[in-house]
PDB file of N, CA and C in Angstrom:
ATOM      1  N   UNK A   1      29.932 -18.836  20.556  1.00  0.00           N
ATOM      2  CA  UNK A   1      30.844 -18.064  19.720  1.00  0.00           C
ATOM      3  C   UNK A   1      30.404 -16.594  19.762  1.00  0.00           C
ATOM      4  N   UNK A   2      31.347 -15.698  19.916  1.00  0.00           N
ATOM      5  CA  UNK A   2      31.029 -14.270  19.974  1.00  0.00           C
ATOM      6  C   UNK A   2      30.639 -13.759  18.584  1.00  0.00           C
ATOM      7  N   UNK A   3      29.962 -12.619  18.572  1.00  0.00           N
ATOM      8  CA  UNK A   3      29.592 -12.006  17.300  1.00  0.00           C
ATOM      9  C   UNK A   3      30.825 -11.652  16.483  1.00  0.00           C
ATOM     10  N   UNK A   4      31.850 -11.132  17.149  1.00  0.00           N
ATOM     11  CA  UNK A   4      33.072 -10.743  16.443  1.00  0.00           C
ATOM     12  C   UNK A   4      33.734 -11.956  15.794  1.00  0.00           C
ATOM     13  N   UNK A   5      33.783 -13.046  16.528  1.00  0.00           N
ATOM     14  CA  UNK A   5      34.399 -14.256  15.976  1.00  0.00           C
ATOM     15  C   UNK A   5      33.570 -14.783  14.798  1.00  0.00           C
ATOM     16  N   UNK A   6      32.256 -14.768  14.949  1.00  0.00           N
ATOM     17  CA  UNK A   6      31.383 -15.216  13.861  1.00  0.00           C
ATOM     18  C   UNK A   6      31.565 -14.341  12.623  1.00  0.00           C
ATOM     19  N   UNK A   7      31.579 -13.012  12.820  1.00  0.00           N
ATOM     20  CA  UNK A   7      31.770 -12.089  11.700  1.00  0.00           C
ATOM     21  C   UNK A   7      33.108 -12.306  11.017  1.00  0.00           C
ATOM     22  N   UNK A   8      34.155 -12.517  11.801  1.00  0.00           N
ATOM     23  CA  UNK A   8      35.486 -12.743  11.234  1.00  0.00           C
ATOM     24  C   UNK A   8      35.508 -14.017  10.395  1.00  0.00           C
ATOM     25  N   UNK A   9      34.912 -15.074  10.908  1.00  0.00           N
ATOM     26  CA  UNK A   9      34.869 -16.334  10.155  1.00  0.00           C
ATOM     27  C   UNK A   9      34.022 -16.184   8.892  1.00  0.00           C
ATOM     28  N   UNK A  10      32.912 -15.480   8.991  1.00  0.00           N
ATOM     29  CA  UNK A  10      32.058 -15.262   7.823  1.00  0.00           C
ATOM     30  C   UNK A  10      32.785 -14.423   6.772  1.00  0.00           C
ATOM     31  N   UNK A  11      33.517 -13.400   7.211  1.00  0.00           N
ATOM     32  CA  UNK A  11      34.272 -12.578   6.273  1.00  0.00           C
ATOM     33  C   UNK A  11      35.383 -13.386   5.614  1.00  0.00           C
ATOM     34  N   UNK A  12      36.093 -14.196   6.389  1.00  0.00           N
ATOM     35  CA  UNK A  12      37.166 -15.026   5.823  1.00  0.00           C
ATOM     36  C   UNK A  12      36.599 -15.967   4.762  1.00  0.00           C
ATOM     37  N   UNK A  13      35.444 -16.550   5.039  1.00  0.00           N
ATOM     38  CA  UNK A  13      34.813 -17.437   4.056  1.00  0.00           C
ATOM     39  C   UNK A  13      34.433 -16.645   2.800  1.00  0.00           C
ATOM     40  N   UNK A  14      33.877 -15.461   2.994  1.00  0.00           N
ATOM     41  CA  UNK A  14      33.495 -14.584   1.885  1.00  0.00           C
ATOM     42  C   UNK A  14      34.699 -14.292   0.992  1.00  0.00           C
ATOM     43  N   UNK A  15      35.834 -13.946   1.620  1.00  0.00           N
ATOM     44  CA  UNK A  15      37.056 -13.631   0.862  1.00  0.00           C
ATOM     45  C   UNK A  15      37.541 -14.863   0.106  1.00  0.00           C
ATOM     46  N   UNK A  16      37.534 -16.013   0.741  1.00  0.00           N
ATOM     47  CA  UNK A  16      37.975 -17.244   0.079  1.00  0.00           C
ATOM     48  C   UNK A  16      37.123 -17.551  -1.147  1.00  0.00           C
ATOM     49  N   UNK A  17      35.821 -17.375  -1.021  1.00  0.00           N
ATOM     50  CA  UNK A  17      34.921 -17.622  -2.153  1.00  0.00           C
ATOM     51  C   UNK A  17      35.206 -16.635  -3.276  1.00  0.00           C
ATOM     52  N   UNK A  18      35.384 -15.357  -2.921  1.00  0.00           N
ATOM     53  CA  UNK A  18      35.657 -14.338  -3.949  1.00  0.00           C
ATOM     54  C   UNK A  18      36.992 -14.603  -4.648  1.00  0.00           C
ATOM     55  N   UNK A  19      38.007 -14.960  -3.891  1.00  0.00           N
ATOM     56  CA  UNK A  19      39.308 -15.241  -4.496  1.00  0.00           C
ATOM     57  C   UNK A  19      39.230 -16.466  -5.408  1.00  0.00           C
ATOM     58  N   UNK A  20      38.479 -17.475  -4.986  1.00  0.00           N
ATOM     59  CA  UNK A  20      38.310 -18.676  -5.812  1.00  0.00           C
ATOM     60  C   UNK A  20      37.549 -18.351  -7.095  1.00  0.00           C
ATOM     61  N   UNK A  21      36.723 -17.296  -7.047  1.00  0.00           N
ATOM     62  CA  UNK A  21      35.948 -16.895  -8.216  1.00  0.00           C
ATOM     63  C   UNK A  21      36.742 -15.977  -9.143  1.00  0.00           C
ATOM     64  N   UNK A  22      38.007 -15.738  -8.810  1.00  0.00           N
ATOM     65  CA  UNK A  22      38.857 -14.937  -9.683  1.00  0.00           C
ATOM     66  C   UNK A  22      38.890 -13.457  -9.368  1.00  0.00           C
ATOM     67  N   UNK A  23      38.485 -13.062  -8.190  1.00  0.00           N
ATOM     68  CA  UNK A  23      38.509 -11.654  -7.812  1.00  0.00           C
ATOM     69  C   UNK A  23      39.787 -11.323  -7.044  1.00  0.00           C
ATOM     70  N   UNK A  24      40.901 -11.869  -7.480  1.00  0.00           N
ATOM     71  CA  UNK A  24      42.172 -11.708  -6.776  1.00  0.00           C
ATOM     72  C   UNK A  24      42.672 -10.267  -6.802  1.00  0.00           C
ATOM     73  N   UNK A  25      42.183  -9.471  -7.750  1.00  0.00           N
ATOM     74  CA  UNK A  25      42.671  -8.095  -7.851  1.00  0.00           C
ATOM     75  C   UNK A  25      41.965  -7.139  -6.893  1.00  0.00           C
ATOM     76  N   UNK A  26      40.894  -7.587  -6.266  1.00  0.00           N
ATOM     77  CA  UNK A  26      40.182  -6.727  -5.314  1.00  0.00           C
ATOM     78  C   UNK A  26      41.035  -6.553  -4.059  1.00  0.00           C
ATOM     79  N   UNK A  27      41.055  -5.330  -3.555  1.00  0.00           N
ATOM     80  CA  UNK A  27      41.822  -5.080  -2.322  1.00  0.00           C
ATOM     81  C   UNK A  27      41.028  -5.595  -1.124  1.00  0.00           C
ATOM     82  N   UNK A  28      41.699  -5.710  -0.014  1.00  0.00           N
ATOM     83  CA  UNK A  28      41.039  -6.142   1.213  1.00  0.00           C
ATOM     84  C   UNK A  28      39.927  -5.162   1.594  1.00  0.00           C
ATOM     85  N   UNK A  29      40.185  -3.866   1.425  1.00  0.00           N
ATOM     86  CA  UNK A  29      39.169  -2.856   1.726  1.00  0.00           C
ATOM     87  C   UNK A  29      37.953  -3.016   0.821  1.00  0.00           C
ATOM     88  N   UNK A  30      38.189  -3.261  -0.466  1.00  0.00           N
ATOM     89  CA  UNK A  30      37.071  -3.461  -1.399  1.00  0.00           C
ATOM     90  C   UNK A  30      36.262  -4.700  -1.032  1.00  0.00           C
ATOM     91  N   UNK A  31      36.956  -5.772  -0.681  1.00  0.00           N
ATOM     92  CA  UNK A  31      36.267  -6.992  -0.284  1.00  0.00           C
ATOM     93  C   UNK A  31      35.467  -6.769   0.996  1.00  0.00           C
ATOM     94  N   UNK A  32      36.037  -6.028   1.946  1.00  0.00           N
ATOM     95  CA  UNK A  32      35.322  -5.752   3.187  1.00  0.00           C
ATOM     96  C   UNK A  32      34.079  -4.909   2.922  1.00  0.00           C
ATOM     97  N   UNK A  33      34.219  -3.896   2.061  1.00  0.00           N
ATOM     98  CA  UNK A  33      33.061  -3.067   1.715  1.00  0.00           C
ATOM     99  C   UNK A  33      31.953  -3.908   1.080  1.00  0.00           C
ATOM    100  N   UNK A  34      32.328  -4.816   0.182  1.00  0.00           N
ATOM    101  CA  UNK A  34      31.339  -5.706  -0.447  1.00  0.00           C
ATOM    102  C   UNK A  34      30.662  -6.569   0.608  1.00  0.00           C
ATOM    103  N   UNK A  35      31.458  -7.118   1.508  1.00  0.00           N
ATOM    104  CA  UNK A  35      30.913  -7.989   2.547  1.00  0.00           C
ATOM    105  C   UNK A  35      29.952  -7.224   3.455  1.00  0.00           C
ATOM    106  N   UNK A  36      30.343  -5.995   3.845  1.00  0.00           N
ATOM    107  CA  UNK A  36      29.470  -5.199   4.720  1.00  0.00           C
ATOM    108  C   UNK A  36      28.149  -4.864   4.032  1.00  0.00           C
ATOM    109  N   UNK A  37      28.186  -4.602   2.734  1.00  0.00           N
ATOM    110  CA  UNK A  37      26.944  -4.322   2.001  1.00  0.00           C
ATOM    111  C   UNK A  37      26.029  -5.543   2.003  1.00  0.00           C
ATOM    112  N   UNK A  38      26.619  -6.710   1.890  1.00  0.00           N
ATOM    113  CA  UNK A  38      25.840  -7.943   1.843  1.00  0.00           C
ATOM    114  C   UNK A  38      25.488  -8.467   3.231  1.00  0.00           C
ATOM    115  N   UNK A  39      26.172  -7.973   4.261  1.00  0.00           N
ATOM    116  CA  UNK A  39      25.970  -8.460   5.637  1.00  0.00           C
ATOM    117  C   UNK A  39      25.904  -7.286   6.611  1.00  0.00           C
ATOM    118  N   UNK A  40      24.863  -6.462   6.507  1.00  0.00           N
ATOM    119  CA  UNK A  40      24.795  -5.303   7.400  1.00  0.00           C
ATOM    120  C   UNK A  40      24.569  -5.727   8.847  1.00  0.00           C
ATOM    121  N   UNK A  41      25.022  -4.901   9.756  1.00  0.00           N
ATOM    122  CA  UNK A  41      24.772  -5.165  11.179  1.00  0.00           C
ATOM    123  C   UNK A  41      23.271  -5.040  11.432  1.00  0.00           C
ATOM    124  N   UNK A  42      22.822  -5.587  12.550  1.00  0.00           N
ATOM    125  CA  UNK A  42      21.393  -5.517  12.875  1.00  0.00           C
ATOM    126  C   UNK A  42      20.927  -4.062  12.985  1.00  0.00           C
ATOM    127  N   UNK A  43      21.740  -3.210  13.586  1.00  0.00           N
ATOM    128  CA  UNK A  43      21.338  -1.809  13.733  1.00  0.00           C
ATOM    129  C   UNK A  43      21.301  -1.098  12.382  1.00  0.00           C
ATOM    130  N   UNK A  44      22.267  -1.388  11.518  1.00  0.00           N
ATOM    131  CA  UNK A  44      22.283  -0.779  10.188  1.00  0.00           C
ATOM    132  C   UNK A  44      21.084  -1.264   9.382  1.00  0.00           C
ATOM    133  N   UNK A  45      20.779  -2.552   9.473  1.00  0.00           N
ATOM    134  CA  UNK A  45      19.625  -3.115   8.777  1.00  0.00           C
ATOM    135  C   UNK A  45      18.341  -2.435   9.266  1.00  0.00           C
ATOM    136  N   UNK A  46      18.221  -2.257  10.584  1.00  0.00           N
ATOM    137  CA  UNK A  46      17.035  -1.615  11.146  1.00  0.00           C
ATOM    138  C   UNK A  46      16.917  -0.165  10.669  1.00  0.00           C
ATOM    139  N   UNK A  47      18.042   0.545  10.593  1.00  0.00           N
ATOM    140  CA  UNK A  47      18.031   1.919  10.081  1.00  0.00           C
ATOM    141  C   UNK A  47      17.546   1.956   8.639  1.00  0.00           C
ATOM    142  N   UNK A  48      18.031   1.016   7.817  1.00  0.00           N
ATOM    143  CA  UNK A  48      17.621   0.965   6.418  1.00  0.00           C
ATOM    144  C   UNK A  48      16.128   0.682   6.283  1.00  0.00           C
ATOM    145  N   UNK A  49      15.630  -0.276   7.061  1.00  0.00           N
ATOM    146  CA  UNK A  49      14.208  -0.608   7.019  1.00  0.00           C
ATOM    147  C   UNK A  49      13.379   0.601   7.435  1.00  0.00           C
ATOM    148  N   UNK A  50      13.812   1.307   8.470  1.00  0.00           N
ATOM    149  CA  UNK A  50      13.104   2.492   8.943  1.00  0.00           C
ATOM    150  C   UNK A  50      13.090   3.593   7.878  1.00  0.00           C
ATOM    151  N   UNK A  51      14.212   3.800   7.213  1.00  0.00           N
ATOM    152  CA  UNK A  51      14.290   4.825   6.167  1.00  0.00           C
ATOM    153  C   UNK A  51      13.395   4.472   4.982  1.00  0.00           C
ATOM    154  N   UNK A  52      13.365   3.207   4.614  1.00  0.00           N
ATOM    155  CA  UNK A  52      12.500   2.777   3.514  1.00  0.00           C
ATOM    156  C   UNK A  52      11.033   2.962   3.895  1.00  0.00           C
ATOM    157  N   UNK A  53      10.672   2.581   5.115  1.00  0.00           N
ATOM    158  CA  UNK A  53       9.290   2.749   5.574  1.00  0.00           C
ATOM    159  C   UNK A  53       8.887   4.220   5.567  1.00  0.00           C
ATOM    160  N   UNK A  54       9.781   5.104   5.998  1.00  0.00           N
ATOM    161  CA  UNK A  54       9.495   6.537   5.995  1.00  0.00           C
ATOM    162  C   UNK A  54       9.308   7.049   4.572  1.00  0.00           C
ATOM    163  N   UNK A  55      10.119   6.570   3.647  1.00  0.00           N
ATOM    164  CA  UNK A  55       9.999   6.983   2.243  1.00  0.00           C
ATOM    165  C   UNK A  55       8.678   6.518   1.642  1.00  0.00           C
ATOM    166  N   UNK A  56       8.284   5.306   1.963  1.00  0.00           N
ATOM    167  CA  UNK A  56       7.003   4.790   1.475  1.00  0.00           C
ATOM    168  C   UNK A  56       5.853   5.633   2.022  1.00  0.00           C
ATOM    169  N   UNK A  57       5.930   5.988   3.290  1.00  0.00           N
ATOM    170  CA  UNK A  57       4.891   6.827   3.896  1.00  0.00           C
ATOM    171  C   UNK A  57       4.850   8.199   3.232  1.00  0.00           C
ATOM    172  N   UNK A  58       6.010   8.792   2.961  1.00  0.00           N
ATOM    173  CA  UNK A  58       6.062  10.071   2.247  1.00  0.00           C
ATOM    174  C   UNK A  58       5.387   9.945   0.891  1.00  0.00           C
ATOM    175  N   UNK A  59       5.683   8.876   0.170  1.00  0.00           N
ATOM    176  CA  UNK A  59       5.098   8.648  -1.146  1.00  0.00           C
ATOM    177  C   UNK A  59       3.576   8.532  -1.046  1.00  0.00           C
ATOM    178  N   UNK A  60       3.096   7.818  -0.047  1.00  0.00           N
ATOM    179  CA  UNK A  60       1.641   7.656   0.152  1.00  0.00           C
ATOM    180  C   UNK A  60       0.958   8.993   0.440  1.00  0.00           C
ATOM    181  N   UNK A  61       1.680   9.905   1.094  1.00  0.00           N
ATOM    182  CA  UNK A  61       1.135  11.227   1.387  1.00  0.00           C
ATOM    183  C   UNK A  61       1.240  12.164   0.185  1.00  0.00           C
ATOM    184  N   UNK A  62       1.799  11.679  -0.908  1.00  0.00           N
ATOM    185  CA  UNK A  62       1.898  12.488  -2.111  1.00  0.00           C
ATOM    186  C   UNK A  62       3.210  13.217  -2.291  1.00  0.00           C
ATOM    187  N   UNK A  63       4.127  13.052  -1.371  1.00  0.00           N
ATOM    188  CA  UNK A  63       5.424  13.717  -1.478  1.00  0.00           C
ATOM    189  C   UNK A  63       6.291  12.952  -2.462  1.00  0.00           C
ATOM    190  N   UNK A  64       6.684  13.598  -3.521  1.00  0.00           N
ATOM    191  CA  UNK A  64       7.450  12.929  -4.567  1.00  0.00           C
ATOM    192  C   UNK A  64       8.895  13.409  -4.658  1.00  0.00           C
ATOM    193  N   UNK A  65       9.277  14.348  -3.819  1.00  0.00           N
ATOM    194  CA  UNK A  65      10.657  14.835  -3.862  1.00  0.00           C
ATOM    195  C   UNK A  65      10.873  15.789  -5.015  1.00  0.00           C
ATOM    196  N   UNK A  66      12.126  15.961  -5.394  1.00  0.00           N
ATOM    197  CA  UNK A  66      12.444  16.854  -6.505  1.00  0.00           C
ATOM    198  C   UNK A  66      12.987  16.032  -7.668  1.00  0.00           C
ATOM    199  N   UNK A  67      12.800  16.565  -8.828  1.00  0.00           N
ATOM    200  CA  UNK A  67      13.335  15.926 -10.038  1.00  0.00           C
ATOM    201  C   UNK A  67      14.855  16.047  -9.981  1.00  0.00           C
ATOM    202  N   UNK A  68      15.545  14.969 -10.315  1.00  0.00           N
ATOM    203  CA  UNK A  68      17.015  14.939 -10.200  1.00  0.00           C
ATOM    204  C   UNK A  68      17.663  16.089 -10.951  1.00  0.00           C
ATOM    205  N   UNK A  69      17.179  16.410 -12.114  1.00  0.00           N
ATOM    206  CA  UNK A  69      17.758  17.499 -12.894  1.00  0.00           C
ATOM    207  C   UNK A  69      17.665  18.833 -12.183  1.00  0.00           C
ATOM    208  N   UNK A  70      16.536  19.077 -11.507  1.00  0.00           N
ATOM    209  CA  UNK A  70      16.382  20.320 -10.755  1.00  0.00           C
ATOM    210  C   UNK A  70      17.380  20.370  -9.602  1.00  0.00           C
ATOM    211  N   UNK A  71      17.553  19.253  -8.931  1.00  0.00           N
ATOM    212  CA  UNK A  71      18.507  19.192  -7.824  1.00  0.00           C
ATOM    213  C   UNK A  71      19.929  19.414  -8.339  1.00  0.00           C
ATOM    214  N   UNK A  72      20.261  18.820  -9.483  1.00  0.00           N
ATOM    215  CA  UNK A  72      21.592  18.993 -10.070  1.00  0.00           C
ATOM    216  C   UNK A  72      21.850  20.452 -10.418  1.00  0.00           C
ATOM    217  N   UNK A  73      20.834  21.126 -10.976  1.00  0.00           N
ATOM    218  CA  UNK A  73      20.988  22.537 -11.318  1.00  0.00           C
ATOM    219  C   UNK A  73      21.262  23.356 -10.063  1.00  0.00           C
ATOM    220  N   UNK A  74      20.539  23.078  -8.988  1.00  0.00           N
ATOM    221  CA  UNK A  74      20.743  23.797  -7.729  1.00  0.00           C
ATOM    222  C   UNK A  74      22.152  23.573  -7.191  1.00  0.00           C
ATOM    223  N   UNK A  75      22.649  22.350  -7.253  1.00  0.00           N
ATOM    224  CA  UNK A  75      24.011  22.064  -6.793  1.00  0.00           C
ATOM    225  C   UNK A  75      25.049  22.793  -7.638  1.00  0.00           C
ATOM    226  N   UNK A  76      24.835  22.839  -8.964  1.00  0.00           N
ATOM    227  CA  UNK A  76      25.778  23.563  -9.819  1.00  0.00           C
ATOM    228  C   UNK A  76      25.806  25.045  -9.456  1.00  0.00           C
ATOM    229  N   UNK A  77      24.631  25.630  -9.210  1.00  0.00           N
ATOM    230  CA  UNK A  77      24.585  27.043  -8.799  1.00  0.00           C
ATOM    231  C   UNK A  77      25.294  27.217  -7.455  1.00  0.00           C
ATOM    232  N   UNK A  78      24.996  26.328  -6.521  1.00  0.00           N
ATOM    233  CA  UNK A  78      25.565  26.421  -5.168  1.00  0.00           C
ATOM    234  C   UNK A  78      27.085  26.364  -5.182  1.00  0.00           C
ATOM    235  N   UNK A  79      27.650  25.518  -6.057  1.00  0.00           N
ATOM    236  CA  UNK A  79      29.106  25.357  -6.085  1.00  0.00           C
ATOM    237  C   UNK A  79      29.780  26.126  -7.214  1.00  0.00           C
ATOM    238  N   UNK A  80      29.018  26.974  -7.883  1.00  0.00           N
ATOM    239  CA  UNK A  80      29.594  27.828  -8.914  1.00  0.00           C
ATOM    240  C   UNK A  80      30.072  27.097 -10.146  1.00  0.00           C
ATOM    241  N   UNK A  81      29.393  26.019 -10.482  1.00  0.00           N
ATOM    242  CA  UNK A  81      29.756  25.245 -11.673  1.00  0.00           C
ATOM    243  C   UNK A  81      28.857  25.654 -12.826  1.00  0.00           C
ATOM    244  N   UNK A  82      29.412  25.669 -14.035  1.00  0.00           N
ATOM    245  CA  UNK A  82      28.627  26.015 -15.204  1.00  0.00           C
ATOM    246  C   UNK A  82      27.626  24.930 -15.567  1.00  0.00           C
ATOM    247  N   UNK A  83      26.713  25.284 -16.457  1.00  0.00           N
ATOM    248  CA  UNK A  83      25.720  24.314 -16.936  1.00  0.00           C
ATOM    249  C   UNK A  83      26.434  23.196 -17.659  1.00  0.00           C
ATOM    250  N   UNK A  84      25.938  21.998 -17.477  1.00  0.00           N
ATOM    251  CA  UNK A  84      26.587  20.823 -18.092  1.00  0.00           C
ATOM    252  C   UNK A  84      25.723  20.260 -19.172  1.00  0.00           C
TER     253      UNK A  84
END
């Protein structure tokens, strides 16, 4: 069975389970987005693992990033928005 056929069957099963659980109001796009989050491609999964490993290494080296509030203030200045 090809990967595309397997993915299609897995997605169809996912949708059937969600609809049976009462999620009938979700759009096809919303259901697909949920499925992709729960079933990332091998390359996407590898990218995520690599990004997490890099973040852990940064943390071990003492890099803590910026405080969210400071970043928000910078974005407000950059886009000309008043203080919130």
